Amino acid sequence: MITTQPLPLVSRRIVVEEWMRSFQDWLCQELEAADGGTVRFTEDAWRHQGGGGGRTRVLQNGEVLEKGGVAFSAVWGTMSDKAAQQLLMPDPGYFATGVSVVQHPRSPLVPISHMNVRYFEAANGEAWFGGGLDLTPIYVDVAQARWFHEQIQAVCELYDATYYPRFKQWADEYFYLPHRQETRGVGGIFFDRLTIGEDGSFDELFAFVQAVGEVYGRSYSALMRQNAALPYTEAQKQWQLVRRGRYAEFNLAIDRGTKFGLETGGRTESILMSLPPQAEWHYNLQPQPGSPEAATQQWLRKGIDWLTADTLNLPA
């Protein structure tokens, strides 16, 4: 019987980093095509103060995307003891690589989207994967939210029957603004510290992370194409600016990736790439009862089973 020996840490780094680079290339091509193919991502290559660096790619003023970002990084170094404690790192020495994505469409009828996949190593030898994807509609389309979750569930089922319910619940808890008592959108999945050896082999966990990235590219491109030509009003555009403000609040106050990047001396422009190009805040703004905006607010809560959600049964 022939057994496969696990890859040493250095080889894992090379394999994962190479895939992350190629995934960034593929995803940018998918998004450019869905945007209309006339506007391209521009690239900003940067170096990290500890070691390594990244490629931040941004598409601005496209036909569908007002601002879209796809950032790759592979960095290493030693973080401060305070930062290591805040980030629950078992050792301040680290290697990290990943791709982080946020898309801000021009139309309020095309959802904002986020995805990231990442791989970490601590200097003590522990290594793990993390990631997630979620959808933030300005106006919740229940059928599209259900379809989006169906795509994610199908991928999760290929690897572990517990993944979707576990990671969907984790997303509900993570993509949540406690100061607003509302979810960021209709959720998706979120997972962190899938540790090699404890939660699966390197090959198993890496394959799952690759599948998460690919289902995001396919599903979000489909939603862009489906919704881009829908007509919208100036009032709907104003509501988009308000909802973008909520998105900015989450990314600045709660998002772990933002905190990690700032704590470890990452490139500020790349870290804040996720912020919308425009947003608004209005004091104590309340949508009119019975309006589409009020209906969307009703859906922004934890625990909704999007696989069975129905427009005839709005949450109470």
Foldseek 3Di string as FASTA:
>chain_A
DDDDDADPPVVLLVVLLVVQVVLLVVLQVLQCVLLPVPWHWDWDWDAFPAGWTWIKTWTDPTLWFNIKIKIWTWDWHFFDPVLCVVLVPPGRTKIKIKIKIWTHTPDLAQWIKIKMKMKMAHPVGKIFIWMWIFTAHLFDDLVLLLVLQVLLQVLVVVQDNVQSVVFQQVQQVQQADVVVQFGLHSTHGTDPGCIDPPNHHPVSRSVSRVSRSVSVSVSSSVSSNVGSPDDDDVVSVQSSQASLVVVVCCLVPGDPQLVVCVSRRHDPCSSCSNRDPHHDDDPPDDDDPPDSSVLRRQSGHPDDPSNPDDPVCGHD
